[in-house]
C-alpha cells in the first residue's frame, strides 16, 4: 500500500484544444463524401464523353479529385472548424473511384 504522504509524480495530462461534437463531424464528413461522389460521377461522365481510355481516364480522375479538393478548400477557408484533420481530405482519393469508373464505362460505351 502506498503511503498517502508520499508524493507520486503525475503523468502530464494530454492537452485537448477543443471539444468536438461527433454528430456535427459525421454530418460534415457525410456531406463532403456526398459532394465527392457527385463530382466523381460527373467526372466519369465527362471522361466517357471525351473518349478517354486506359491511363488517361485515371489521370483525369486524379485531376478531378485534386480540383475538387482545391475548390472545397477555397470555399471553406477555415476547414479546421469543420473537420478534426482537414489534411486527410487530400489523401482519400479512392472514395469516389467506383462511381467514376461506373459512369466512365457507361458513357464511353454509349458512344
Protein backbone atom coordinates (compact mmCIF):
# COMPACT_ATOMS: atom_id res chain seq x y z
CA UNK A 1 0.00 0.00 0.00
CA UNK A 2 1.20 3.49 -0.79
CA UNK A 3 1.64 5.99 1.98
CA UNK A 4 -0.66 8.98 1.28
CA UNK A 5 2.02 11.42 2.46
CA UNK A 6 4.38 10.33 -0.28
CA UNK A 7 4.24 12.44 -3.36
CA UNK A 8 3.92 10.48 -6.56
CA UNK A 9 4.81 12.12 -9.85
CA UNK A 10 1.78 12.73 -12.00
CA UNK A 11 1.84 11.96 -15.71
CA UNK A 12 1.30 15.07 -17.80
CA UNK A 13 -2.28 15.31 -18.94
CA UNK A 14 -2.99 15.40 -22.63
CA UNK A 15 -3.92 18.84 -23.85
CA UNK A 16 -7.17 18.80 -25.78
CA UNK A 17 -7.61 22.05 -27.67
CA UNK A 18 -11.38 21.91 -28.08
CA UNK A 19 -14.31 19.64 -27.60
CA UNK A 20 -15.65 18.20 -30.83
CA UNK A 21 -19.23 17.14 -31.35
CA UNK A 22 -19.21 13.81 -33.15
CA UNK A 23 -22.65 14.37 -34.68
CA UNK A 24 -21.52 17.51 -36.47
CA UNK A 25 -18.24 15.97 -37.55
CA UNK A 26 -20.09 12.98 -39.02
CA UNK A 27 -22.51 15.34 -40.77
CA UNK A 28 -19.59 17.29 -42.27
CA UNK A 29 -17.82 14.10 -43.39
CA UNK A 30 -21.03 12.77 -44.93
CA UNK A 31 -21.66 15.99 -46.86
CA UNK A 32 -18.06 16.03 -48.09
CA UNK A 33 -18.31 12.42 -49.25
CA UNK A 34 -21.63 13.10 -50.99
CA UNK A 35 -20.04 16.02 -52.85
CA UNK A 36 -17.03 13.88 -53.75
CA UNK A 37 -19.22 11.08 -55.15
CA UNK A 38 -21.25 13.58 -57.19
CA UNK A 39 -18.11 15.20 -58.59
CA UNK A 40 -16.60 11.78 -59.35
CA UNK A 41 -19.76 10.75 -61.19
CA UNK A 42 -19.75 13.93 -63.26
CA UNK A 43 -16.04 13.47 -63.93
CA UNK A 44 -16.72 9.92 -65.13
CA UNK A 45 -19.41 11.22 -67.47
CA UNK A 46 -17.01 13.80 -68.90
CA UNK A 47 -14.20 11.24 -69.25
CA UNK A 48 -16.55 8.85 -71.05
CA UNK A 49 -17.86 11.53 -73.39
CA UNK A 50 -14.33 12.72 -74.18
CA UNK A 51 -13.39 9.14 -75.05
CA UNK A 52 -10.53 8.90 -72.58
CA UNK A 53 -9.27 5.34 -72.28
CA UNK A 54 -6.75 3.38 -70.21
CA UNK A 55 -4.32 5.50 -68.22
CA UNK A 56 -5.69 8.83 -69.46
CA UNK A 57 -9.01 8.15 -67.76
CA UNK A 58 -7.35 7.56 -64.41
CA UNK A 59 -5.15 10.64 -64.88
CA UNK A 60 -8.36 12.57 -65.47
CA UNK A 61 -9.79 11.09 -62.25
CA UNK A 62 -6.77 12.26 -60.26
CA UNK A 63 -7.14 15.70 -61.85
CA UNK A 64 -10.85 15.84 -60.92
CA UNK A 65 -10.08 14.71 -57.37
CA UNK A 66 -7.45 17.37 -56.77
CA UNK A 67 -9.62 20.00 -58.43
CA UNK A 68 -12.46 19.11 -56.05
CA UNK A 69 -10.14 19.26 -53.03
CA UNK A 70 -8.76 22.63 -54.09
CA UNK A 71 -12.21 24.12 -54.69
CA UNK A 72 -13.55 22.70 -51.44
CA UNK A 73 -10.58 24.14 -49.54
CA UNK A 74 -11.06 27.54 -51.17
CA UNK A 75 -14.80 27.67 -50.50
CA UNK A 76 -14.35 26.66 -46.84
CA UNK A 77 -11.37 28.75 -45.81
CA UNK A 78 -11.32 27.52 -42.22
CA UNK A 79 -11.57 23.76 -42.63
CA UNK A 80 -10.24 23.22 -39.11
CA UNK A 81 -13.63 24.43 -37.83
CA UNK A 82 -15.43 21.66 -39.73
CA UNK A 83 -13.06 18.66 -39.60
CA UNK A 84 -10.70 17.25 -36.99
CA UNK A 85 -7.89 16.82 -39.52
CA UNK A 86 -8.63 18.60 -42.82
CA UNK A 87 -5.44 17.32 -44.48
CA UNK A 88 -6.93 13.83 -44.79
CA UNK A 89 -9.18 15.23 -47.49
CA UNK A 90 -6.29 15.20 -49.95
CA UNK A 91 -5.43 11.56 -49.24
CA UNK A 92 -8.88 10.00 -49.64
CA UNK A 93 -8.55 9.53 -53.36
CA UNK A 94 -10.25 6.13 -53.60
CA UNK A 95 -13.59 7.14 -52.08
CA UNK A 96 -15.13 8.26 -55.39
CA UNK A 97 -13.30 5.91 -57.72
CA UNK A 98 -16.11 3.33 -58.05
CA UNK A 99 -18.68 5.89 -59.15
CA UNK A 100 -16.11 7.43 -61.52
CA UNK A 101 -15.37 4.08 -63.18
CA UNK A 102 -19.07 3.20 -63.37
CA UNK A 103 -20.06 6.39 -65.18
CA UNK A 104 -16.86 6.39 -67.22
CA UNK A 105 -17.55 2.93 -68.68
CA UNK A 106 -21.26 3.65 -69.09
CA UNK A 107 -20.75 6.86 -71.07
CA UNK A 108 -17.82 5.52 -73.07
CA UNK A 109 -19.98 2.54 -74.18
CA UNK A 110 -22.80 4.85 -75.22
CA UNK A 111 -20.52 6.48 -77.79
